[in-house]
């Protein structure tokens, strides 16, 4: 009897823990996926290069904040979708790497990041990504637009490139889908039923008609290298390139020679 009672208690505890974990994934997934920092609406951006601050209004009343760096003698424009943490102050500084290469850059904050407002959903975020492309298209010819995604932003970049006739798509540390990332970390949970933000990059990438370049480091602890490799291998078109960076981690690729020695050719080749 005692052993049966112990087994019952253990089973009860395990089921409660399992249920708790399911609840955390279901109700708090935004807190796990999105790690924004906020800026006051009065925040003044300070950057090395001149820029224009932009506010776009969405159909549901959100306001999206972005920066537009206009390079002298611009080689084209990079529409940059950033990662899941931080805000536009930091990401604006990051993208000045490309301004130094004489590219104009448009970079934005997602809903709930920096000065941007609005309720998140997978549908809203994809629509916002397209809204920024529409803005860029008013300023530049489509054959001048390179769509660049980093980490979380790679799914938005891929979606936008799949819907438009862009010059080039560059993905830095991409993932096959958010669902696959979650499954790799919580394989014992019914992720397919729990996850609102599935972000299926693989569904869009074969609708992209421009050249595709993927950068991924083999030591990436945030988005495993195999995610980027699997996404690359899912591309059926020939005009694709996977640049593997040995020892590269999630946040240091631009500082490594495999990136710096190739990025200029990647951006100018096509």
C-alpha atoms as a PDB file:
ATOM      1  CA  UNK A   1       0.000   0.000   0.000  1.00  0.00           C
ATOM      2  CA  UNK A   2       2.789   2.391   0.901  1.00  0.00           C
ATOM      3  CA  UNK A   3       4.543   1.819  -2.417  1.00  0.00           C
ATOM      4  CA  UNK A   4       1.285   2.437  -4.306  1.00  0.00           C
ATOM      5  CA  UNK A   5       0.744   5.638  -2.367  1.00  0.00           C
ATOM      6  CA  UNK A   6       4.279   6.818  -3.131  1.00  0.00           C
ATOM      7  CA  UNK A   7       3.790   6.018  -6.800  1.00  0.00           C
ATOM      8  CA  UNK A   8       0.505   7.940  -6.811  1.00  0.00           C
ATOM      9  CA  UNK A   9       2.127  10.972  -5.178  1.00  0.00           C
ATOM     10  CA  UNK A  10       5.080  10.859  -7.573  1.00  0.00           C
ATOM     11  CA  UNK A  11       2.778  10.586 -10.582  1.00  0.00           C
ATOM     12  CA  UNK A  12       0.654  13.450  -9.265  1.00  0.00           C
ATOM     13  CA  UNK A  13       3.726  15.655  -8.816  1.00  0.00           C
ATOM     14  CA  UNK A  14       5.100  14.828 -12.260  1.00  0.00           C
ATOM     15  CA  UNK A  15       1.762  15.562 -13.916  1.00  0.00           C
ATOM     16  CA  UNK A  16       1.555  18.876 -12.095  1.00  0.00           C
ATOM     17  CA  UNK A  17       5.080  19.808 -13.154  1.00  0.00           C
ATOM     18  CA  UNK A  18       4.271  18.790 -16.721  1.00  0.00           C
ATOM     19  CA  UNK A  19       1.095  20.873 -16.663  1.00  0.00           C
ATOM     20  CA  UNK A  20       2.986  23.818 -15.186  1.00  0.00           C
ATOM     21  CA  UNK A  21       5.578  23.676 -17.953  1.00  0.00           C
ATOM     22  CA  UNK A  22       2.831  23.535 -20.585  1.00  0.00           C
ATOM     23  CA  UNK A  23       1.222  26.572 -18.971  1.00  0.00           C
ATOM     24  CA  UNK A  24       4.488  28.513 -18.961  1.00  0.00           C
ATOM     25  CA  UNK A  25       5.063  27.830 -22.674  1.00  0.00           C
ATOM     26  CA  UNK A  26       1.470  28.655 -23.605  1.00  0.00           C
ATOM     27  CA  UNK A  27       0.915  31.781 -21.526  1.00  0.00           C
ATOM     28  CA  UNK A  28       4.433  33.228 -21.297  1.00  0.00           C
ATOM     29  CA  UNK A  29       5.931  32.418 -24.683  1.00  0.00           C
ATOM     30  CA  UNK A  30       6.155  36.098 -25.612  1.00  0.00           C
ATOM     31  CA  UNK A  31       8.428  36.608 -22.604  1.00  0.00           C
ATOM     32  CA  UNK A  32      10.613  33.717 -23.782  1.00  0.00           C
ATOM     33  CA  UNK A  33      10.831  34.761 -27.448  1.00  0.00           C
ATOM     34  CA  UNK A  34      10.867  38.557 -27.276  1.00  0.00           C
ATOM     35  CA  UNK A  35      13.359  40.355 -25.044  1.00  0.00           C
ATOM     36  CA  UNK A  36      12.794  44.046 -25.770  1.00  0.00           C
ATOM     37  CA  UNK A  37      14.120  47.068 -23.988  1.00  0.00           C
ATOM     38  CA  UNK A  38      11.990  50.207 -23.969  1.00  0.00           C
ATOM     39  CA  UNK A  39      12.813  53.788 -24.890  1.00  0.00           C
ATOM     40  CA  UNK A  40      10.830  56.850 -23.891  1.00  0.00           C
ATOM     41  CA  UNK A  41       9.045  58.645 -26.711  1.00  0.00           C
ATOM     42  CA  UNK A  42      11.338  61.595 -25.961  1.00  0.00           C
ATOM     43  CA  UNK A  43      14.500  59.545 -26.467  1.00  0.00           C
ATOM     44  CA  UNK A  44      16.993  61.204 -28.812  1.00  0.00           C
ATOM     45  CA  UNK A  45      19.046  58.772 -30.851  1.00  0.00           C
ATOM     46  CA  UNK A  46      22.762  59.379 -31.087  1.00  0.00           C
ATOM     47  CA  UNK A  47      24.591  57.819 -34.039  1.00  0.00           C
ATOM     48  CA  UNK A  48      27.900  58.285 -35.781  1.00  0.00           C
ATOM     49  CA  UNK A  49      26.291  58.820 -39.188  1.00  0.00           C
ATOM     50  CA  UNK A  50      23.397  61.115 -40.163  1.00  0.00           C
ATOM     51  CA  UNK A  51      19.936  59.577 -40.081  1.00  0.00           C
ATOM     52  CA  UNK A  52      16.238  60.331 -40.266  1.00  0.00           C
ATOM     53  CA  UNK A  53      13.884  59.023 -37.584  1.00  0.00           C
ATOM     54  CA  UNK A  54      10.671  57.486 -38.926  1.00  0.00           C
ATOM     55  CA  UNK A  55       7.284  56.649 -37.431  1.00  0.00           C
ATOM     56  CA  UNK A  56       4.941  54.425 -39.426  1.00  0.00           C
ATOM     57  CA  UNK A  57       1.275  53.998 -38.520  1.00  0.00           C
ATOM     58  CA  UNK A  58      -0.347  50.576 -38.877  1.00  0.00           C
ATOM     59  CA  UNK A  59      -3.981  49.826 -39.683  1.00  0.00           C
ATOM     60  CA  UNK A  60      -4.618  48.668 -36.097  1.00  0.00           C
ATOM     61  CA  UNK A  61      -3.307  51.888 -34.561  1.00  0.00           C
ATOM     62  CA  UNK A  62       0.240  50.841 -33.651  1.00  0.00           C
ATOM     63  CA  UNK A  63       3.212  53.119 -34.253  1.00  0.00           C
ATOM     64  CA  UNK A  64       6.469  51.639 -35.525  1.00  0.00           C
ATOM     65  CA  UNK A  65       9.764  53.439 -34.986  1.00  0.00           C
ATOM     66  CA  UNK A  66      12.678  53.196 -37.381  1.00  0.00           C
ATOM     67  CA  UNK A  67      15.878  54.889 -38.514  1.00  0.00           C
ATOM     68  CA  UNK A  68      16.941  55.660 -42.072  1.00  0.00           C
ATOM     69  CA  UNK A  69      20.663  56.129 -42.681  1.00  0.00           C
ATOM     70  CA  UNK A  70      21.342  57.721 -46.082  1.00  0.00           C
ATOM     71  CA  UNK A  71      24.862  56.941 -47.239  1.00  0.00           C
ATOM     72  CA  UNK A  72      26.664  59.275 -49.595  1.00  0.00           C
ATOM     73  CA  UNK A  73      27.120  57.718 -53.040  1.00  0.00           C
ATOM     74  CA  UNK A  74      24.962  54.841 -51.826  1.00  0.00           C
ATOM     75  CA  UNK A  75      25.506  51.404 -53.397  1.00  0.00           C
ATOM     76  CA  UNK A  76      21.934  50.501 -52.489  1.00  0.00           C
ATOM     77  CA  UNK A  77      19.865  50.049 -49.341  1.00  0.00           C
ATOM     78  CA  UNK A  78      19.779  47.342 -46.693  1.00  0.00           C
ATOM     79  CA  UNK A  79      16.403  46.751 -45.043  1.00  0.00           C
ATOM     80  CA  UNK A  80      17.471  45.260 -41.723  1.00  0.00           C
ATOM     81  CA  UNK A  81      15.270  43.131 -39.449  1.00  0.00           C
ATOM     82  CA  UNK A  82      17.056  42.743 -36.125  1.00  0.00           C
ATOM     83  CA  UNK A  83      17.227  40.081 -33.401  1.00  0.00           C
ATOM     84  CA  UNK A  84      14.953  39.430 -30.438  1.00  0.00           C
ATOM     85  CA  UNK A  85      16.665  41.588 -27.788  1.00  0.00           C
ATOM     86  CA  UNK A  86      17.438  45.262 -27.261  1.00  0.00           C
ATOM     87  CA  UNK A  87      16.119  48.328 -29.046  1.00  0.00           C
ATOM     88  CA  UNK A  88      16.819  50.659 -31.925  1.00  0.00           C
ATOM     89  CA  UNK A  89      19.572  52.583 -30.160  1.00  0.00           C
ATOM     90  CA  UNK A  90      21.742  49.476 -30.118  1.00  0.00           C
ATOM     91  CA  UNK A  91      20.618  48.075 -33.455  1.00  0.00           C
ATOM     92  CA  UNK A  92      21.090  51.426 -35.151  1.00  0.00           C
ATOM     93  CA  UNK A  93      24.702  51.350 -34.014  1.00  0.00           C
ATOM     94  CA  UNK A  94      25.065  47.776 -35.269  1.00  0.00           C
ATOM     95  CA  UNK A  95      23.858  48.615 -38.768  1.00  0.00           C
ATOM     96  CA  UNK A  96      26.333  51.467 -39.177  1.00  0.00           C
ATOM     97  CA  UNK A  97      28.725  48.685 -40.187  1.00  0.00           C
ATOM     98  CA  UNK A  98      26.923  48.783 -43.550  1.00  0.00           C
ATOM     99  CA  UNK A  99      26.785  52.585 -43.738  1.00  0.00           C
ATOM    100  CA  UNK A 100      30.593  52.512 -43.542  1.00  0.00           C
ATOM    101  CA  UNK A 101      30.463  50.293 -46.648  1.00  0.00           C
ATOM    102  CA  UNK A 102      28.441  53.045 -48.410  1.00  0.00           C
ATOM    103  CA  UNK A 103      25.058  51.371 -48.091  1.00  0.00           C
ATOM    104  CA  UNK A 104      21.968  53.180 -46.926  1.00  0.00           C
ATOM    105  CA  UNK A 105      20.157  51.334 -44.124  1.00  0.00           C
ATOM    106  CA  UNK A 106      16.590  51.193 -42.863  1.00  0.00           C
ATOM    107  CA  UNK A 107      16.283  49.474 -39.473  1.00  0.00           C
ATOM    108  CA  UNK A 108      13.228  49.337 -37.250  1.00  0.00           C
ATOM    109  CA  UNK A 109      11.977  48.248 -33.834  1.00  0.00           C
ATOM    110  CA  UNK A 110       9.241  45.636 -33.580  1.00  0.00           C
ATOM    111  CA  UNK A 111       6.060  46.214 -31.589  1.00  0.00           C
ATOM    112  CA  UNK A 112       6.874  46.652 -27.908  1.00  0.00           C
ATOM    113  CA  UNK A 113      10.535  47.443 -28.589  1.00  0.00           C
ATOM    114  CA  UNK A 114      12.038  50.883 -28.068  1.00  0.00           C
ATOM    115  CA  UNK A 115       9.451  53.490 -29.027  1.00  0.00           C
ATOM    116  CA  UNK A 116       7.299  51.118 -31.113  1.00  0.00           C
ATOM    117  CA  UNK A 117       3.814  50.335 -29.836  1.00  0.00           C
ATOM    118  CA  UNK A 118       1.072  47.821 -30.552  1.00  0.00           C
ATOM    119  CA  UNK A 119      -0.132  44.340 -29.684  1.00  0.00           C
ATOM    120  CA  UNK A 120       2.070  41.491 -30.897  1.00  0.00           C
ATOM    121  CA  UNK A 121       0.870  38.543 -32.928  1.00  0.00           C
ATOM    122  CA  UNK A 122       2.575  36.505 -35.619  1.00  0.00           C
ATOM    123  CA  UNK A 123       0.238  38.024 -38.211  1.00  0.00           C
ATOM    124  CA  UNK A 124       0.845  41.599 -37.017  1.00  0.00           C
ATOM    125  CA  UNK A 125       4.608  41.181 -37.048  1.00  0.00           C
ATOM    126  CA  UNK A 126       4.630  39.852 -40.604  1.00  0.00           C
ATOM    127  CA  UNK A 127       2.335  42.690 -41.717  1.00  0.00           C
ATOM    128  CA  UNK A 128       4.637  45.210 -40.034  1.00  0.00           C
ATOM    129  CA  UNK A 129       7.636  43.721 -41.847  1.00  0.00           C
ATOM    130  CA  UNK A 130       5.831  44.203 -45.153  1.00  0.00           C
ATOM    131  CA  UNK A 131       4.891  47.767 -44.184  1.00  0.00           C
ATOM    132  CA  UNK A 132       8.583  48.607 -43.790  1.00  0.00           C
ATOM    133  CA  UNK A 133       9.279  47.136 -47.209  1.00  0.00           C
ATOM    134  CA  UNK A 134       6.548  49.309 -48.706  1.00  0.00           C
ATOM    135  CA  UNK A 135       8.195  52.347 -47.117  1.00  0.00           C
ATOM    136  CA  UNK A 136      11.596  51.318 -48.489  1.00  0.00           C
ATOM    137  CA  UNK A 137      10.149  50.780 -51.970  1.00  0.00           C
ATOM    138  CA  UNK A 138       8.955  54.379 -52.029  1.00  0.00           C
ATOM    139  CA  UNK A 139      12.527  55.558 -51.421  1.00  0.00           C
ATOM    140  CA  UNK A 140      14.489  53.068 -53.573  1.00  0.00           C
ATOM    141  CA  UNK A 141      14.107  50.881 -56.648  1.00  0.00           C
ATOM    142  CA  UNK A 142      13.487  47.233 -55.802  1.00  0.00           C
ATOM    143  CA  UNK A 143      16.689  46.185 -57.582  1.00  0.00           C
ATOM    144  CA  UNK A 144      18.566  48.296 -55.014  1.00  0.00           C
ATOM    145  CA  UNK A 145      17.032  46.610 -51.953  1.00  0.00           C
ATOM    146  CA  UNK A 146      18.890  43.944 -50.000  1.00  0.00           C
ATOM    147  CA  UNK A 147      16.698  42.420 -47.308  1.00  0.00           C
ATOM    148  CA  UNK A 148      18.795  41.393 -44.298  1.00  0.00           C
ATOM    149  CA  UNK A 149      17.588  39.380 -41.315  1.00  0.00           C
ATOM    150  CA  UNK A 150      19.422  38.572 -38.121  1.00  0.00           C
ATOM    151  CA  UNK A 151      18.313  35.818 -35.722  1.00  0.00           C
ATOM    152  CA  UNK A 152      14.600  36.437 -34.976  1.00  0.00           C
ATOM    153  CA  UNK A 153      14.503  38.872 -37.903  1.00  0.00           C
ATOM    154  CA  UNK A 154      15.440  36.187 -40.429  1.00  0.00           C
ATOM    155  CA  UNK A 155      11.852  34.940 -40.617  1.00  0.00           C
ATOM    156  CA  UNK A 156      10.548  38.464 -41.354  1.00  0.00           C
ATOM    157  CA  UNK A 157      13.287  39.064 -43.931  1.00  0.00           C
ATOM    158  CA  UNK A 158      12.517  35.764 -45.657  1.00  0.00           C
ATOM    159  CA  UNK A 159       8.785  36.478 -45.684  1.00  0.00           C
ATOM    160  CA  UNK A 160       9.290  39.942 -47.182  1.00  0.00           C
ATOM    161  CA  UNK A 161      11.681  38.603 -49.845  1.00  0.00           C
ATOM    162  CA  UNK A 162       9.148  35.898 -50.722  1.00  0.00           C
ATOM    163  CA  UNK A 163       6.457  38.507 -51.372  1.00  0.00           C
ATOM    164  CA  UNK A 164       8.525  40.977 -53.398  1.00  0.00           C
ATOM    165  CA  UNK A 165      11.149  41.310 -56.134  1.00  0.00           C
ATOM    166  CA  UNK A 166      14.194  42.215 -54.069  1.00  0.00           C
ATOM    167  CA  UNK A 167      17.835  42.259 -55.126  1.00  0.00           C
ATOM    168  CA  UNK A 168      19.239  39.989 -52.457  1.00  0.00           C
ATOM    169  CA  UNK A 169      18.372  38.142 -49.234  1.00  0.00           C
ATOM    170  CA  UNK A 170      20.990  37.767 -46.492  1.00  0.00           C
ATOM    171  CA  UNK A 171      20.238  35.746 -43.347  1.00  0.00           C
ATOM    172  CA  UNK A 172      22.518  35.834 -40.306  1.00  0.00           C
ATOM    173  CA  UNK A 173      21.993  32.955 -37.839  1.00  0.00           C
ATOM    174  CA  UNK A 174      18.566  31.890 -39.171  1.00  0.00           C
ATOM    175  CA  UNK A 175      16.280  29.116 -37.986  1.00  0.00           C
ATOM    176  CA  UNK A 176      14.162  26.553 -39.815  1.00  0.00           C
ATOM    177  CA  UNK A 177      11.159  27.471 -37.665  1.00  0.00           C
ATOM    178  CA  UNK A 178      10.487  28.644 -34.126  1.00  0.00           C
ATOM    179  CA  UNK A 179       8.504  25.446 -33.628  1.00  0.00           C
ATOM    180  CA  UNK A 180      11.614  23.361 -34.340  1.00  0.00           C
ATOM    181  CA  UNK A 181      13.696  25.427 -31.910  1.00  0.00           C
ATOM    182  CA  UNK A 182      11.086  24.929 -29.201  1.00  0.00           C
ATOM    183  CA  UNK A 183      10.876  21.190 -29.918  1.00  0.00           C
ATOM    184  CA  UNK A 184      14.647  20.852 -29.602  1.00  0.00           C
ATOM    185  CA  UNK A 185      14.518  22.407 -26.130  1.00  0.00           C
ATOM    186  CA  UNK A 186      11.228  20.979 -24.871  1.00  0.00           C
ATOM    187  CA  UNK A 187      10.922  17.720 -26.787  1.00  0.00           C
ATOM    188  CA  UNK A 188       8.694  16.197 -24.106  1.00  0.00           C
ATOM    189  CA  UNK A 189       6.013  18.903 -24.461  1.00  0.00           C
ATOM    190  CA  UNK A 190       3.243  19.153 -27.129  1.00  0.00           C
ATOM    191  CA  UNK A 191       4.868  22.223 -28.693  1.00  0.00           C
ATOM    192  CA  UNK A 192       2.725  22.183 -31.828  1.00  0.00           C
ATOM    193  CA  UNK A 193      -0.381  22.722 -29.685  1.00  0.00           C
ATOM    194  CA  UNK A 194       1.182  25.245 -27.310  1.00  0.00           C
ATOM    195  CA  UNK A 195       3.086  27.601 -29.599  1.00  0.00           C
ATOM    196  CA  UNK A 196       1.392  30.687 -31.063  1.00  0.00           C
ATOM    197  CA  UNK A 197       4.588  31.993 -32.673  1.00  0.00           C
ATOM    198  CA  UNK A 198       5.616  29.177 -35.004  1.00  0.00           C
ATOM    199  CA  UNK A 199       7.509  31.473 -37.432  1.00  0.00           C
ATOM    200  CA  UNK A 200       7.888  28.873 -40.240  1.00  0.00           C
ATOM    201  CA  UNK A 201      10.790  30.375 -42.199  1.00  0.00           C
ATOM    202  CA  UNK A 202      11.056  27.192 -44.285  1.00  0.00           C
ATOM    203  CA  UNK A 203       7.572  27.784 -45.706  1.00  0.00           C
ATOM    204  CA  UNK A 204       8.634  31.084 -47.287  1.00  0.00           C
ATOM    205  CA  UNK A 205      12.195  30.493 -48.387  1.00  0.00           C
ATOM    206  CA  UNK A 206      11.352  28.581 -51.560  1.00  0.00           C
ATOM    207  CA  UNK A 207       9.101  31.419 -52.681  1.00  0.00           C
ATOM    208  CA  UNK A 208      12.129  33.737 -52.726  1.00  0.00           C
ATOM    209  CA  UNK A 209      13.338  34.460 -56.257  1.00  0.00           C
ATOM    210  CA  UNK A 210      16.486  36.459 -55.493  1.00  0.00           C
ATOM    211  CA  UNK A 211      19.918  35.078 -54.455  1.00  0.00           C
ATOM    212  CA  UNK A 212      20.006  33.817 -50.853  1.00  0.00           C
ATOM    213  CA  UNK A 213      23.062  33.889 -48.577  1.00  0.00           C
ATOM    214  CA  UNK A 214      23.100  32.336 -45.106  1.00  0.00           C
ATOM    215  CA  UNK A 215      25.745  33.043 -42.465  1.00  0.00           C
ATOM    216  CA  UNK A 216      25.896  30.756 -39.445  1.00  0.00           C
ATOM    217  CA  UNK A 217      28.487  29.960 -36.788  1.00  0.00           C
ATOM    218  CA  UNK A 218      29.204  26.414 -35.689  1.00  0.00           C
ATOM    219  CA  UNK A 219      29.365  27.427 -32.007  1.00  0.00           C
ATOM    220  CA  UNK A 220      26.032  29.252 -31.923  1.00  0.00           C
ATOM    221  CA  UNK A 221      24.417  28.453 -28.547  1.00  0.00           C
ATOM    222  CA  UNK A 222      21.224  30.441 -29.224  1.00  0.00           C
ATOM    223  CA  UNK A 223      20.200  29.119 -32.644  1.00  0.00           C
ATOM    224  CA  UNK A 224      22.032  25.905 -33.395  1.00  0.00           C
ATOM    225  CA  UNK A 225      24.073  25.737 -36.597  1.00  0.00           C
ATOM    226  CA  UNK A 226      21.970  22.757 -37.697  1.00  0.00           C
ATOM    227  CA  UNK A 227      18.912  25.053 -37.882  1.00  0.00           C
ATOM    228  CA  UNK A 228      20.625  27.250 -40.471  1.00  0.00           C
ATOM    229  CA  UNK A 229      22.019  24.249 -42.335  1.00  0.00           C
ATOM    230  CA  UNK A 230      18.628  22.559 -42.456  1.00  0.00           C
ATOM    231  CA  UNK A 231      17.037  25.753 -43.775  1.00  0.00           C
ATOM    232  CA  UNK A 232      19.749  26.014 -46.433  1.00  0.00           C
ATOM    233  CA  UNK A 233      19.285  22.387 -47.481  1.00  0.00           C
ATOM    234  CA  UNK A 234      15.534  22.947 -47.843  1.00  0.00           C
ATOM    235  CA  UNK A 235      16.135  25.545 -50.591  1.00  0.00           C
ATOM    236  CA  UNK A 236      15.535  23.913 -53.969  1.00  0.00           C
ATOM    237  CA  UNK A 237      16.910  26.751 -56.120  1.00  0.00           C
ATOM    238  CA  UNK A 238      20.583  26.817 -57.128  1.00  0.00           C
ATOM    239  CA  UNK A 239      21.335  30.468 -56.434  1.00  0.00           C
ATOM    240  CA  UNK A 240      22.052  29.962 -52.749  1.00  0.00           C
ATOM    241  CA  UNK A 241      25.119  30.120 -50.546  1.00  0.00           C
ATOM    242  CA  UNK A 242      25.838  28.885 -47.011  1.00  0.00           C
ATOM    243  CA  UNK A 243      28.836  30.559 -45.403  1.00  0.00           C
ATOM    244  CA  UNK A 244      29.780  28.471 -42.392  1.00  0.00           C
ATOM    245  CA  UNK A 245      31.858  30.309 -39.787  1.00  0.00           C
ATOM    246  CA  UNK A 246      33.912  27.843 -37.720  1.00  0.00           C
ATOM    247  CA  UNK A 247      33.912  28.761 -34.033  1.00  0.00           C
ATOM    248  CA  UNK A 248      31.412  31.544 -34.773  1.00  0.00           C
ATOM    249  CA  UNK A 249      28.905  32.250 -32.012  1.00  0.00           C
ATOM    250  CA  UNK A 250      25.547  33.981 -32.115  1.00  0.00           C
ATOM    251  CA  UNK A 251      26.664  37.554 -31.598  1.00  0.00           C
ATOM    252  CA  UNK A 252      30.177  37.727 -33.048  1.00  0.00           C
ATOM    253  CA  UNK A 253      29.889  36.759 -36.712  1.00  0.00           C
ATOM    254  CA  UNK A 254      30.524  40.253 -38.123  1.00  0.00           C
ATOM    255  CA  UNK A 255      33.828  40.420 -36.257  1.00  0.00           C
ATOM    256  CA  UNK A 256      35.183  37.212 -37.824  1.00  0.00           C
ATOM    257  CA  UNK A 257      37.151  37.011 -41.075  1.00  0.00           C
ATOM    258  CA  UNK A 258      34.786  34.544 -42.765  1.00  0.00           C
ATOM    259  CA  UNK A 259      32.131  37.258 -42.574  1.00  0.00           C
ATOM    260  CA  UNK A 260      34.213  40.371 -43.215  1.00  0.00           C
ATOM    261  CA  UNK A 261      36.039  38.726 -46.151  1.00  0.00           C
ATOM    262  CA  UNK A 262      32.812  37.807 -47.930  1.00  0.00           C
ATOM    263  CA  UNK A 263      30.060  40.290 -47.057  1.00  0.00           C
ATOM    264  CA  UNK A 264      31.159  42.917 -49.560  1.00  0.00           C
ATOM    265  CA  UNK A 265      31.046  40.395 -52.400  1.00  0.00           C
ATOM    266  CA  UNK A 266      27.706  39.035 -51.189  1.00  0.00           C
ATOM    267  CA  UNK A 267      26.150  42.500 -51.232  1.00  0.00           C
ATOM    268  CA  UNK A 268      27.723  43.633 -54.522  1.00  0.00           C
ATOM    269  CA  UNK A 269      27.760  40.439 -56.578  1.00  0.00           C
ATOM    270  CA  UNK A 270      24.140  40.334 -57.630  1.00  0.00           C
END
